[in-house]
Structures are given as C-alpha cells and as structure tokens.
Amino acid sequence: MVRSLGMCAVMGVALLLAGCMVGPNYVRPATKTQEQFAQPKQTEFTEALEAASAQRINPVTWWAGFKDITLNRLLAKAASDNLSLQKAAVRIAQALAQLGVSEATLLPTVALSGA
C-alpha cells in the first residue's frame, strides 16, 4: 500500500515537471503558409463526378436508367397487382370472418324438432 502511494507520488511529480519543460521564454516558431491554396486539377474522375451530379435520378422510376425491358415489365406488373393499404385491411377482415365461421363448426350444436 505504501509502495503504491510512493509510486503515485513519483509519477505525479514527473508529470508536473514534464508540463513545465517548455519554459517561460517559449516563442512559437514562424511557419510559412500560403495565401491561397492551389485549385484542384481537372481529371477524368472529377469530370465524371460533375456529369453524374448533373444527372438527377428520378425516385419514382429509378430503374428506367437500366434500360431493361424485362425489369420495366416486371415493375409495371408489380405496380398494377399491388394492393392498397385499405384493400389489404379489408382482406384481413374477410379472412378473420372466415376463420370465425370455420371455428363455429367446432362448437356443440342443439337440434329441436316439433311435432
């Protein structure tokens, strides 16, 4: 315990002295800086970036850029066969009603006849 306290004290003094190593007469060295940075060179890559940023992708028909007839046909079929949210909710309600009818056959039945 005493040994670890002594070690901590030595480390603290070393850190304290290391912070004062610069001294009171420190002068920041002069550095050479440019007034204006060099303009980037126009390369094949930067030209392609400019051309790509000029073309905006339509978020509704983004796949049209592939120019694939099969893909266009498949997405048109998916759009025409896709259910709206309201139609899907109606189909779920119909399925639950059918489930209730089919479960009703499991209940006991009572038959009466009069003569």
PDB file of N, CA and C in Angstrom:
ATOM      1  N   MET A   1       0.821  -1.187   0.000  1.00  0.00           N
ATOM      2  CA  MET A   1       0.000   0.000   0.000  1.00  0.00           C
ATOM      3  C   MET A   1       0.869   1.255   0.000  1.00  0.00           C
ATOM      4  N   VAL A   2       1.891   1.260   0.888  1.00  0.00           N
ATOM      5  CA  VAL A   2       2.789   2.411   0.980  1.00  0.00           C
ATOM      6  C   VAL A   2       3.605   2.521  -0.299  1.00  0.00           C
ATOM      7  N   ARG A   3       3.963   1.377  -0.839  1.00  0.00           N
ATOM      8  CA  ARG A   3       4.771   1.371  -2.058  1.00  0.00           C
ATOM      9  C   ARG A   3       3.983   1.969  -3.229  1.00  0.00           C
ATOM     10  N   SER A   4       2.670   1.641  -3.333  1.00  0.00           N
ATOM     11  CA  SER A   4       1.864   2.170  -4.435  1.00  0.00           C
ATOM     12  C   SER A   4       1.630   3.674  -4.270  1.00  0.00           C
ATOM     13  N   LEU A   5       1.510   4.156  -3.011  1.00  0.00           N
ATOM     14  CA  LEU A   5       1.363   5.590  -2.789  1.00  0.00           C
ATOM     15  C   LEU A   5       2.638   6.334  -3.182  1.00  0.00           C
ATOM     16  N   GLY A   6       3.772   5.756  -2.856  1.00  0.00           N
ATOM     17  CA  GLY A   6       5.053   6.362  -3.224  1.00  0.00           C
ATOM     18  C   GLY A   6       5.227   6.402  -4.733  1.00  0.00           C
ATOM     19  N   MET A   7       4.787   5.332  -5.392  1.00  0.00           N
ATOM     20  CA  MET A   7       4.894   5.270  -6.851  1.00  0.00           C
ATOM     21  C   MET A   7       3.984   6.325  -7.489  1.00  0.00           C
ATOM     22  N   CYS A   8       2.777   6.506  -6.931  1.00  0.00           N
ATOM     23  CA  CYS A   8       1.850   7.518  -7.450  1.00  0.00           C
ATOM     24  C   CYS A   8       2.420   8.921  -7.243  1.00  0.00           C
ATOM     25  N   ALA A   9       3.071   9.155  -6.123  1.00  0.00           N
ATOM     26  CA  ALA A   9       3.667  10.464  -5.848  1.00  0.00           C
ATOM     27  C   ALA A   9       4.787  10.757  -6.839  1.00  0.00           C
ATOM     28  N   VAL A  10       5.624   9.764  -7.111  1.00  0.00           N
ATOM     29  CA  VAL A  10       6.726   9.938  -8.062  1.00  0.00           C
ATOM     30  C   VAL A  10       6.178  10.227  -9.455  1.00  0.00           C
ATOM     31  N   MET A  11       5.124   9.503  -9.855  1.00  0.00           N
ATOM     32  CA  MET A  11       4.527   9.718 -11.173  1.00  0.00           C
ATOM     33  C   MET A  11       3.903  11.124 -11.258  1.00  0.00           C
ATOM     34  N   GLY A  12       3.264  11.566 -10.193  1.00  0.00           N
ATOM     35  CA  GLY A  12       2.668  12.892 -10.171  1.00  0.00           C
ATOM     36  C   GLY A  12       3.703  13.986 -10.310  1.00  0.00           C
ATOM     37  N   VAL A  13       4.832  13.855  -9.602  1.00  0.00           N
ATOM     38  CA  VAL A  13       5.899  14.855  -9.689  1.00  0.00           C
ATOM     39  C   VAL A  13       6.496  14.853 -11.096  1.00  0.00           C
ATOM     40  N   ALA A  14       6.659  13.666 -11.690  1.00  0.00           N
ATOM     41  CA  ALA A  14       7.221  13.577 -13.042  1.00  0.00           C
ATOM     42  C   ALA A  14       6.296  14.258 -14.051  1.00  0.00           C
ATOM     43  N   LEU A  15       4.997  14.044 -13.901  1.00  0.00           N
ATOM     44  CA  LEU A  15       4.050  14.690 -14.817  1.00  0.00           C
ATOM     45  C   LEU A  15       4.032  16.204 -14.618  1.00  0.00           C
ATOM     46  N   LEU A  16       4.129  16.640 -13.382  1.00  0.00           N
ATOM     47  CA  LEU A  16       4.137  18.064 -13.088  1.00  0.00           C
ATOM     48  C   LEU A  16       5.356  18.734 -13.707  1.00  0.00           C
ATOM     49  N   LEU A  17       6.515  18.095 -13.589  1.00  0.00           N
ATOM     50  CA  LEU A  17       7.732  18.660 -14.157  1.00  0.00           C
ATOM     51  C   LEU A  17       7.723  18.609 -15.687  1.00  0.00           C
ATOM     52  N   ALA A  18       7.085  17.583 -16.259  1.00  0.00           N
ATOM     53  CA  ALA A  18       7.033  17.459 -17.719  1.00  0.00           C
ATOM     54  C   ALA A  18       6.198  18.582 -18.329  1.00  0.00           C
ATOM     55  N   GLY A  19       5.233  19.094 -17.580  1.00  0.00           N
ATOM     56  CA  GLY A  19       4.415  20.181 -18.080  1.00  0.00           C
ATOM     57  C   GLY A  19       5.159  21.501 -18.121  1.00  0.00           C
ATOM     58  N   CYS A  20       6.242  21.626 -17.415  1.00  0.00           N
ATOM     59  CA  CYS A  20       6.995  22.882 -17.366  1.00  0.00           C
ATOM     60  C   CYS A  20       8.263  22.826 -18.207  1.00  0.00           C
ATOM     61  N   MET A  21       8.395  21.874 -19.088  1.00  0.00           N
ATOM     62  CA  MET A  21       9.626  21.680 -19.840  1.00  0.00           C
ATOM     63  C   MET A  21       9.854  22.782 -20.877  1.00  0.00           C
ATOM     64  N   VAL A  22       8.832  23.447 -21.335  1.00  0.00           N
ATOM     65  CA  VAL A  22       8.977  24.445 -22.386  1.00  0.00           C
ATOM     66  C   VAL A  22       9.684  25.678 -21.836  1.00  0.00           C
ATOM     67  N   GLY A  23       9.293  26.111 -20.692  1.00  0.00           N
ATOM     68  CA  GLY A  23       9.959  27.247 -20.064  1.00  0.00           C
ATOM     69  C   GLY A  23       9.229  28.553 -20.299  1.00  0.00           C
ATOM     70  N   PRO A  24       9.606  29.595 -19.595  1.00  0.00           N
ATOM     71  CA  PRO A  24       8.900  30.871 -19.692  1.00  0.00           C
ATOM     72  C   PRO A  24       9.252  31.673 -20.937  1.00  0.00           C
ATOM     73  N   ASN A  25      10.355  31.376 -21.600  1.00  0.00           N
ATOM     74  CA  ASN A  25      10.788  32.161 -22.766  1.00  0.00           C
ATOM     75  C   ASN A  25      10.420  31.480 -24.088  1.00  0.00           C
ATOM     76  N   TYR A  26       9.375  30.712 -24.089  1.00  0.00           N
ATOM     77  CA  TYR A  26       8.969  29.988 -25.302  1.00  0.00           C
ATOM     78  C   TYR A  26       8.458  30.964 -26.352  1.00  0.00           C
ATOM     79  N   VAL A  27       8.939  30.795 -27.575  1.00  0.00           N
ATOM     80  CA  VAL A  27       8.485  31.597 -28.708  1.00  0.00           C
ATOM     81  C   VAL A  27       8.056  30.618 -29.795  1.00  0.00           C
ATOM     82  N   ARG A  28       6.853  30.810 -30.281  1.00  0.00           N
ATOM     83  CA  ARG A  28       6.350  29.930 -31.335  1.00  0.00           C
ATOM     84  C   ARG A  28       7.170  30.143 -32.606  1.00  0.00           C
ATOM     85  N   PRO A  29       7.624  29.056 -33.228  1.00  0.00           N
ATOM     86  CA  PRO A  29       8.427  29.208 -34.444  1.00  0.00           C
ATOM     87  C   PRO A  29       7.572  29.725 -35.601  1.00  0.00           C
ATOM     88  N   ALA A  30       8.191  30.483 -36.464  1.00  0.00           N
ATOM     89  CA  ALA A  30       7.489  31.031 -37.628  1.00  0.00           C
ATOM     90  C   ALA A  30       7.221  29.914 -38.619  1.00  0.00           C
ATOM     91  N   THR A  31       6.027  29.889 -39.156  1.00  0.00           N
ATOM     92  CA  THR A  31       5.675  28.884 -40.164  1.00  0.00           C
ATOM     93  C   THR A  31       5.284  29.581 -41.446  1.00  0.00           C
ATOM     94  N   LYS A  32       5.613  28.941 -42.536  1.00  0.00           N
ATOM     95  CA  LYS A  32       5.320  29.512 -43.845  1.00  0.00           C
ATOM     96  C   LYS A  32       3.966  28.968 -44.305  1.00  0.00           C
ATOM     97  N   THR A  33       3.041  29.861 -44.573  1.00  0.00           N
ATOM     98  CA  THR A  33       1.721  29.458 -45.060  1.00  0.00           C
ATOM     99  C   THR A  33       1.448  30.144 -46.379  1.00  0.00           C
ATOM    100  N   GLN A  34       0.648  29.487 -47.179  1.00  0.00           N
ATOM    101  CA  GLN A  34       0.281  30.051 -48.471  1.00  0.00           C
ATOM    102  C   GLN A  34      -0.948  30.943 -48.302  1.00  0.00           C
ATOM    103  N   GLU A  35      -0.991  31.978 -49.085  1.00  0.00           N
ATOM    104  CA  GLU A  35      -2.139  32.879 -49.041  1.00  0.00           C
ATOM    105  C   GLU A  35      -3.356  32.250 -49.718  1.00  0.00           C
ATOM    106  N   GLN A  36      -3.094  31.482 -50.770  1.00  0.00           N
ATOM    107  CA  GLN A  36      -4.191  30.864 -51.499  1.00  0.00           C
ATOM    108  C   GLN A  36      -3.796  29.430 -51.812  1.00  0.00           C
ATOM    109  N   PHE A  37      -4.730  28.520 -51.616  1.00  0.00           N
ATOM    110  CA  PHE A  37      -4.469  27.121 -51.901  1.00  0.00           C
ATOM    111  C   PHE A  37      -4.571  26.862 -53.395  1.00  0.00           C
ATOM    112  N   ALA A  38      -3.870  25.866 -53.848  1.00  0.00           N
ATOM    113  CA  ALA A  38      -3.890  25.520 -55.266  1.00  0.00           C
ATOM    114  C   ALA A  38      -5.264  24.977 -55.642  1.00  0.00           C
ATOM    115  N   GLN A  39      -5.730  25.327 -56.821  1.00  0.00           N
ATOM    116  CA  GLN A  39      -7.006  24.831 -57.304  1.00  0.00           C
ATOM    117  C   GLN A  39      -6.852  23.369 -57.708  1.00  0.00           C
ATOM    118  N   PRO A  40      -7.872  22.553 -57.469  1.00  0.00           N
ATOM    119  CA  PRO A  40      -7.765  21.140 -57.852  1.00  0.00           C
ATOM    120  C   PRO A  40      -7.684  20.996 -59.365  1.00  0.00           C
ATOM    121  N   LYS A  41      -6.936  20.029 -59.792  1.00  0.00           N
ATOM    122  CA  LYS A  41      -6.771  19.794 -61.219  1.00  0.00           C
ATOM    123  C   LYS A  41      -7.987  19.048 -61.755  1.00  0.00           C
ATOM    124  N   GLN A  42      -8.367  19.405 -62.960  1.00  0.00           N
ATOM    125  CA  GLN A  42      -9.490  18.736 -63.609  1.00  0.00           C
ATOM    126  C   GLN A  42      -8.991  17.416 -64.171  1.00  0.00           C
ATOM    127  N   THR A  43      -9.557  16.322 -63.676  1.00  0.00           N
ATOM    128  CA  THR A  43      -9.164  14.992 -64.151  1.00  0.00           C
ATOM    129  C   THR A  43     -10.383  14.283 -64.710  1.00  0.00           C
ATOM    130  N   GLU A  44     -10.148  13.089 -65.222  1.00  0.00           N
ATOM    131  CA  GLU A  44     -11.238  12.280 -65.758  1.00  0.00           C
ATOM    132  C   GLU A  44     -12.249  11.942 -64.658  1.00  0.00           C
ATOM    133  N   PHE A  45     -11.741  11.716 -63.465  1.00  0.00           N
ATOM    134  CA  PHE A  45     -12.612  11.378 -62.336  1.00  0.00           C
ATOM    135  C   PHE A  45     -13.485  12.562 -61.935  1.00  0.00           C
ATOM    136  N   THR A  46     -12.896  13.754 -61.842  1.00  0.00           N
ATOM    137  CA  THR A  46     -13.684  14.919 -61.437  1.00  0.00           C
ATOM    138  C   THR A  46     -14.697  15.296 -62.512  1.00  0.00           C
ATOM    139  N   GLU A  47     -14.361  15.085 -63.773  1.00  0.00           N
ATOM    140  CA  GLU A  47     -15.324  15.347 -64.845  1.00  0.00           C
ATOM    141  C   GLU A  47     -16.496  14.377 -64.756  1.00  0.00           C
ATOM    142  N   ALA A  48     -16.211  13.118 -64.446  1.00  0.00           N
ATOM    143  CA  ALA A  48     -17.282  12.127 -64.310  1.00  0.00           C
ATOM    144  C   ALA A  48     -18.171  12.467 -63.117  1.00  0.00           C
ATOM    145  N   LEU A  49     -17.578  12.972 -62.051  1.00  0.00           N
ATOM    146  CA  LEU A  49     -18.377  13.367 -60.887  1.00  0.00           C
ATOM    147  C   LEU A  49     -19.307  14.516 -61.224  1.00  0.00           C
ATOM    148  N   GLU A  50     -18.799  15.489 -61.957  1.00  0.00           N
ATOM    149  CA  GLU A  50     -19.626  16.626 -62.350  1.00  0.00           C
ATOM    150  C   GLU A  50     -20.763  16.181 -63.259  1.00  0.00           C
ATOM    151  N   ALA A  51     -20.464  15.270 -64.182  1.00  0.00           N
ATOM    152  CA  ALA A  51     -21.504  14.777 -65.090  1.00  0.00           C
ATOM    153  C   ALA A  51     -22.554  13.982 -64.320  1.00  0.00           C
ATOM    154  N   ALA A  52     -22.122  13.181 -63.348  1.00  0.00           N
ATOM    155  CA  ALA A  52     -23.065  12.368 -62.575  1.00  0.00           C
ATOM    156  C   ALA A  52     -23.923  13.234 -61.666  1.00  0.00           C
ATOM    157  N   SER A  53     -23.350  14.286 -61.104  1.00  0.00           N
ATOM    158  CA  SER A  53     -24.139  15.154 -60.234  1.00  0.00           C
ATOM    159  C   SER A  53     -25.130  15.988 -61.032  1.00  0.00           C
ATOM    160  N   ALA A  54     -24.845  16.192 -62.319  1.00  0.00           N
ATOM    161  CA  ALA A  54     -25.761  16.948 -63.157  1.00  0.00           C
ATOM    162  C   ALA A  54     -27.009  16.126 -63.482  1.00  0.00           C
ATOM    163  N   GLN A  55     -26.853  14.800 -63.528  1.00  0.00           N
ATOM    164  CA  GLN A  55     -27.988  13.929 -63.800  1.00  0.00           C
ATOM    165  C   GLN A  55     -28.648  13.564 -62.477  1.00  0.00           C
ATOM    166  N   ARG A  56     -29.895  13.890 -62.346  1.00  0.00           N
ATOM    167  CA  ARG A  56     -30.639  13.560 -61.134  1.00  0.00           C
ATOM    168  C   ARG A  56     -31.440  12.292 -61.374  1.00  0.00           C
ATOM    169  N   ILE A  57     -31.444  11.406 -60.397  1.00  0.00           N
ATOM    170  CA  ILE A  57     -32.186  10.163 -60.509  1.00  0.00           C
ATOM    171  C   ILE A  57     -33.620  10.412 -60.065  1.00  0.00           C
ATOM    172  N   ASN A  58     -34.549  10.006 -60.896  1.00  0.00           N
ATOM    173  CA  ASN A  58     -35.958  10.127 -60.559  1.00  0.00           C
ATOM    174  C   ASN A  58     -36.297   9.042 -59.534  1.00  0.00           C
ATOM    175  N   PRO A  59     -36.747   9.413 -58.331  1.00  0.00           N
ATOM    176  CA  PRO A  59     -37.002   8.397 -57.315  1.00  0.00           C
ATOM    177  C   PRO A  59     -38.210   7.525 -57.625  1.00  0.00           C
ATOM    178  N   VAL A  60     -39.057   7.952 -58.555  1.00  0.00           N
ATOM    179  CA  VAL A  60     -40.232   7.158 -58.888  1.00  0.00           C
ATOM    180  C   VAL A  60     -39.878   6.089 -59.912  1.00  0.00           C
ATOM    181  N   THR A  61     -39.079   6.434 -60.897  1.00  0.00           N
ATOM    182  CA  THR A  61     -38.715   5.470 -61.952  1.00  0.00           C
ATOM    183  C   THR A  61     -37.204   5.326 -62.046  1.00  0.00           C
ATOM    184  N   TRP A  62     -36.567   5.035 -60.945  1.00  0.00           N
ATOM    185  CA  TRP A  62     -35.105   4.935 -60.922  1.00  0.00           C
ATOM    186  C   TRP A  62     -34.599   3.769 -61.758  1.00  0.00           C
ATOM    187  N   TRP A  63     -35.383   2.710 -61.910  1.00  0.00           N
ATOM    188  CA  TRP A  63     -34.942   1.528 -62.634  1.00  0.00           C
ATOM    189  C   TRP A  63     -34.900   1.757 -64.144  1.00  0.00           C
ATOM    190  N   ALA A  64     -35.517   2.821 -64.633  1.00  0.00           N
ATOM    191  CA  ALA A  64     -35.540   3.076 -66.067  1.00  0.00           C
ATOM    192  C   ALA A  64     -34.135   3.353 -66.604  1.00  0.00           C
ATOM    193  N   GLY A  65     -33.228   3.752 -65.720  1.00  0.00           N
ATOM    194  CA  GLY A  65     -31.854   4.005 -66.141  1.00  0.00           C
ATOM    195  C   GLY A  65     -31.129   2.754 -66.612  1.00  0.00           C
ATOM    196  N   PHE A  66     -31.634   1.574 -66.192  1.00  0.00           N
ATOM    197  CA  PHE A  66     -31.008   0.321 -66.624  1.00  0.00           C
ATOM    198  C   PHE A  66     -31.376  -0.042 -68.054  1.00  0.00           C
ATOM    199  N   LYS A  67     -32.482   0.549 -68.548  1.00  0.00           N
ATOM    200  CA  LYS A  67     -32.966   0.289 -69.909  1.00  0.00           C
ATOM    201  C   LYS A  67     -33.159  -1.207 -70.160  1.00  0.00           C
ATOM    202  N   ASP A  68     -33.819  -1.867 -69.189  1.00  0.00           N
ATOM    203  CA  ASP A  68     -34.073  -3.300 -69.277  1.00  0.00           C
ATOM    204  C   ASP A  68     -35.576  -3.515 -69.462  1.00  0.00           C
ATOM    205  N   ILE A  69     -35.962  -4.116 -70.579  1.00  0.00           N
ATOM    206  CA  ILE A  69     -37.374  -4.301 -70.900  1.00  0.00           C
ATOM    207  C   ILE A  69     -38.034  -5.244 -69.899  1.00  0.00           C
ATOM    208  N   THR A  70     -37.340  -6.313 -69.521  1.00  0.00           N
ATOM    209  CA  THR A  70     -37.906  -7.275 -68.570  1.00  0.00           C
ATOM    210  C   THR A  70     -38.135  -6.630 -67.217  1.00  0.00           C
ATOM    211  N   LEU A  71     -37.183  -5.853 -66.761  1.00  0.00           N
ATOM    212  CA  LEU A  71     -37.334  -5.180 -65.472  1.00  0.00           C
ATOM    213  C   LEU A  71     -38.492  -4.181 -65.514  1.00  0.00           C
ATOM    214  N   ASN A  72     -38.612  -3.443 -66.594  1.00  0.00           N
ATOM    215  CA  ASN A  72     -39.724  -2.496 -66.732  1.00  0.00           C
ATOM    216  C   ASN A  72     -41.067  -3.225 -66.691  1.00  0.00           C
ATOM    217  N   ARG A  73     -41.166  -4.367 -67.394  1.00  0.00           N
ATOM    218  CA  ARG A  73     -42.410  -5.129 -67.421  1.00  0.00           C
ATOM    219  C   ARG A  73     -42.740  -5.700 -66.038  1.00  0.00           C
ATOM    220  N   LEU A  74     -41.736  -6.225 -65.348  1.00  0.00           N
ATOM    221  CA  LEU A  74     -41.968  -6.786 -64.011  1.00  0.00           C
ATOM    222  C   LEU A  74     -42.417  -5.717 -63.015  1.00  0.00           C
ATOM    223  N   LEU A  75     -41.820  -4.553 -63.074  1.00  0.00           N
ATOM    224  CA  LEU A  75     -42.204  -3.495 -62.141  1.00  0.00           C
ATOM    225  C   LEU A  75     -43.574  -2.924 -62.479  1.00  0.00           C
ATOM    226  N   ALA A  76     -43.944  -2.893 -63.752  1.00  0.00           N
ATOM    227  CA  ALA A  76     -45.294  -2.458 -64.126  1.00  0.00           C
ATOM    228  C   ALA A  76     -46.327  -3.446 -63.616  1.00  0.00           C
ATOM    229  N   LYS A  77     -46.032  -4.749 -63.718  1.00  0.00           N
ATOM    230  CA  LYS A  77     -46.948  -5.782 -63.201  1.00  0.00           C
ATOM    231  C   LYS A  77     -47.051  -5.692 -61.688  1.00  0.00           C
ATOM    232  N   ALA A  78     -45.939  -5.467 -61.007  1.00  0.00           N
ATOM    233  CA  ALA A  78     -45.964  -5.353 -59.553  1.00  0.00           C
ATOM    234  C   ALA A  78     -46.778  -4.143 -59.119  1.00  0.00           C
ATOM    235  N   ALA A  79     -46.685  -3.060 -59.852  1.00  0.00           N
ATOM    236  CA  ALA A  79     -47.439  -1.849 -59.501  1.00  0.00           C
ATOM    237  C   ALA A  79     -48.931  -2.053 -59.733  1.00  0.00           C
ATOM    238  N   SER A  80     -49.295  -2.776 -60.789  1.00  0.00           N
ATOM    239  CA  SER A  80     -50.729  -2.975 -61.062  1.00  0.00           C
ATOM    240  C   SER A  80     -51.337  -4.006 -60.122  1.00  0.00           C
ATOM    241  N   ASP A  81     -50.562  -5.009 -59.695  1.00  0.00           N
ATOM    242  CA  ASP A  81     -51.084  -6.042 -58.800  1.00  0.00           C
ATOM    243  C   ASP A  81     -50.947  -5.695 -57.327  1.00  0.00           C
ATOM    244  N   ASN A  82     -50.285  -4.616 -57.021  1.00  0.00           N
ATOM    245  CA  ASN A  82     -50.051  -4.247 -55.632  1.00  0.00           C
ATOM    246  C   ASN A  82     -51.338  -3.733 -55.001  1.00  0.00           C
ATOM    247  N   LEU A  83     -51.616  -4.221 -53.794  1.00  0.00           N
ATOM    248  CA  LEU A  83     -52.823  -3.799 -53.091  1.00  0.00           C
ATOM    249  C   LEU A  83     -52.589  -2.492 -52.360  1.00  0.00           C
ATOM    250  N   SER A  84     -53.643  -1.716 -52.275  1.00  0.00           N
ATOM    251  CA  SER A  84     -53.547  -0.540 -51.437  1.00  0.00           C
ATOM    252  C   SER A  84     -53.692  -0.988 -49.986  1.00  0.00           C
ATOM    253  N   LEU A  85     -53.384  -0.121 -49.073  1.00  0.00           N
ATOM    254  CA  LEU A  85     -53.465  -0.457 -47.654  1.00  0.00           C
ATOM    255  C   LEU A  85     -54.904  -0.752 -47.247  1.00  0.00           C
ATOM    256  N   GLN A  86     -55.841  -0.016 -47.803  1.00  0.00           N
ATOM    257  CA  GLN A  86     -57.247  -0.234 -47.456  1.00  0.00           C
ATOM    258  C   GLN A  86     -57.731  -1.597 -47.956  1.00  0.00           C
ATOM    259  N   LYS A  87     -57.339  -1.972 -49.177  1.00  0.00           N
ATOM    260  CA  LYS A  87     -57.734  -3.276 -49.709  1.00  0.00           C
ATOM    261  C   LYS A  87     -57.122  -4.405 -48.892  1.00  0.00           C
ATOM    262  N   ALA A  88     -55.891  -4.223 -48.459  1.00  0.00           N
ATOM    263  CA  ALA A  88     -55.249  -5.249 -47.634  1.00  0.00           C
ATOM    264  C   ALA A  88     -55.966  -5.389 -46.297  1.00  0.00           C
ATOM    265  N   ALA A  89     -56.399  -4.292 -45.698  1.00  0.00           N
ATOM    266  CA  ALA A  89     -57.122  -4.348 -44.422  1.00  0.00           C
ATOM    267  C   ALA A  89     -58.461  -5.052 -44.596  1.00  0.00           C
ATOM    268  N   VAL A  90     -59.145  -4.820 -45.718  1.00  0.00           N
ATOM    269  CA  VAL A  90     -60.417  -5.487 -45.980  1.00  0.00           C
ATOM    270  C   VAL A  90     -60.205  -6.986 -46.136  1.00  0.00           C
ATOM    271  N   ARG A  91     -59.153  -7.385 -46.822  1.00  0.00           N
ATOM    272  CA  ARG A  91     -58.871  -8.816 -46.988  1.00  0.00           C
ATOM    273  C   ARG A  91     -58.546  -9.480 -45.649  1.00  0.00           C
ATOM    274  N   ILE A  92     -57.857  -8.776 -44.767  1.00  0.00           N
ATOM    275  CA  ILE A  92     -57.572  -9.336 -43.432  1.00  0.00           C
ATOM    276  C   ILE A  92     -58.873  -9.502 -42.657  1.00  0.00           C
ATOM    277  N   ALA A  93     -59.776  -8.518 -42.734  1.00  0.00           N
ATOM    278  CA  ALA A  93     -61.071  -8.623 -42.046  1.00  0.00           C
ATOM    279  C   ALA A  93     -61.883  -9.791 -42.604  1.00  0.00           C
ATOM    280  N   GLN A  94     -61.855  -9.994 -43.931  1.00  0.00           N
ATOM    281  CA  GLN A  94     -62.564 -11.121 -44.541  1.00  0.00           C
ATOM    282  C   GLN A  94     -61.985 -12.448 -44.067  1.00  0.00           C
ATOM    283  N   ALA A  95     -60.677 -12.534 -43.982  1.00  0.00           N
ATOM    284  CA  ALA A  95     -60.041 -13.769 -43.529  1.00  0.00           C
ATOM    285  C   ALA A  95     -60.402 -14.064 -42.069  1.00  0.00           C
ATOM    286  N   LEU A  96     -60.439 -13.031 -41.229  1.00  0.00           N
ATOM    287  CA  LEU A  96     -60.832 -13.234 -39.830  1.00  0.00           C
ATOM    288  C   LEU A  96     -62.290 -13.678 -39.731  1.00  0.00           C
ATOM    289  N   ALA A  97     -63.175 -13.142 -40.584  1.00  0.00           N
ATOM    290  CA  ALA A  97     -64.574 -13.566 -40.586  1.00  0.00           C
ATOM    291  C   ALA A  97     -64.697 -15.026 -41.014  1.00  0.00           C
ATOM    292  N   GLN A  98     -63.960 -15.414 -42.039  1.00  0.00           N
ATOM    293  CA  GLN A  98     -63.968 -16.813 -42.483  1.00  0.00           C
ATOM    294  C   GLN A  98     -63.451 -17.744 -41.385  1.00  0.00           C
ATOM    295  N   LEU A  99     -62.444 -17.289 -40.645  1.00  0.00           N
ATOM    296  CA  LEU A  99     -61.914 -18.077 -39.537  1.00  0.00           C
ATOM    297  C   LEU A  99     -62.978 -18.265 -38.462  1.00  0.00           C
ATOM    298  N   GLY A 100     -63.737 -17.213 -38.165  1.00  0.00           N
ATOM    299  CA  GLY A 100     -64.812 -17.319 -37.178  1.00  0.00           C
ATOM    300  C   GLY A 100     -65.894 -18.297 -37.608  1.00  0.00           C
ATOM    301  N   VAL A 101     -66.245 -18.302 -38.895  1.00  0.00           N
ATOM    302  CA  VAL A 101     -67.258 -19.228 -39.410  1.00  0.00           C
ATOM    303  C   VAL A 101     -66.758 -20.662 -39.314  1.00  0.00           C
ATOM    304  N   SER A 102     -65.515 -20.888 -39.688  1.00  0.00           N
ATOM    305  CA  SER A 102     -64.991 -22.254 -39.652  1.00  0.00           C
ATOM    306  C   SER A 102     -64.786 -22.749 -38.219  1.00  0.00           C
ATOM    307  N   GLU A 103     -64.475 -21.865 -37.280  1.00  0.00           N
ATOM    308  CA  GLU A 103     -64.337 -22.281 -35.887  1.00  0.00           C
ATOM    309  C   GLU A 103     -65.693 -22.556 -35.259  1.00  0.00           C
ATOM    310  N   ALA A 104     -66.747 -21.967 -35.773  1.00  0.00           N
ATOM    311  CA  ALA A 104     -68.091 -22.171 -35.228  1.00  0.00           C
ATOM    312  C   ALA A 104     -68.544 -23.617 -35.399  1.00  0.00           C
ATOM    313  N   THR A 105     -68.020 -24.315 -36.388  1.00  0.00           N
ATOM    314  CA  THR A 105     -68.405 -25.715 -36.578  1.00  0.00           C
ATOM    315  C   THR A 105     -67.870 -26.599 -35.466  1.00  0.00           C
ATOM    316  N   LEU A 106     -66.909 -26.134 -34.704  1.00  0.00           N
ATOM    317  CA  LEU A 106     -66.355 -26.921 -33.604  1.00  0.00           C
ATOM    318  C   LEU A 106     -67.206 -26.812 -32.335  1.00  0.00           C
ATOM    319  N   LEU A 107     -68.131 -25.870 -32.284  1.00  0.00           N
ATOM    320  CA  LEU A 107     -68.973 -25.679 -31.105  1.00  0.00           C
ATOM    321  C   LEU A 107     -70.085 -26.739 -31.075  1.00  0.00           C
ATOM    322  N   PRO A 108     -70.564 -27.049 -29.878  1.00  0.00           N
ATOM    323  CA  PRO A 108     -71.672 -28.027 -29.801  1.00  0.00           C
ATOM    324  C   PRO A 108     -72.946 -27.460 -30.450  1.00  0.00           C
ATOM    325  N   THR A 109     -73.762 -28.340 -31.002  1.00  0.00           N
ATOM    326  CA  THR A 109     -74.990 -27.920 -31.644  1.00  0.00           C
ATOM    327  C   THR A 109     -76.200 -28.504 -30.895  1.00  0.00           C
ATOM    328  N   VAL A 110     -77.310 -27.825 -30.981  1.00  0.00           N
ATOM    329  CA  VAL A 110     -78.558 -28.288 -30.367  1.00  0.00           C
ATOM    330  C   VAL A 110     -79.611 -28.354 -31.485  1.00  0.00           C
ATOM    331  N   ALA A 111     -80.300 -29.465 -31.548  1.00  0.00           N
ATOM    332  CA  ALA A 111     -81.326 -29.620 -32.587  1.00  0.00           C
ATOM    333  C   ALA A 111     -82.680 -29.823 -31.895  1.00  0.00           C
ATOM    334  N   LEU A 112     -83.668 -29.097 -32.299  1.00  0.00           N
ATOM    335  CA  LEU A 112     -85.028 -29.236 -31.775  1.00  0.00           C
ATOM    336  C   LEU A 112     -85.964 -29.527 -32.939  1.00  0.00           C
ATOM    337  N   SER A 113     -86.909 -30.316 -32.661  1.00  0.00           N
ATOM    338  CA  SER A 113     -87.913 -30.539 -33.690  1.00  0.00           C
ATOM    339  C   SER A 113     -89.284 -30.619 -32.991  1.00  0.00           C
ATOM    340  N   GLY A 114     -90.257 -30.127 -33.621  1.00  0.00           N
ATOM    341  CA  GLY A 114     -91.583 -30.126 -33.023  1.00  0.00           C
ATOM    342  C   GLY A 114     -92.582 -30.908 -33.889  1.00  0.00           C
ATOM    343  N   ALA A 115     -93.494 -31.595 -33.198  1.00  0.00           N
ATOM    344  CA  ALA A 115     -94.487 -32.354 -33.943  1.00  0.00           C
ATOM    345  C   ALA A 115     -95.855 -32.161 -33.311  1.00  0.00           C
TER     346      ALA A 115
END
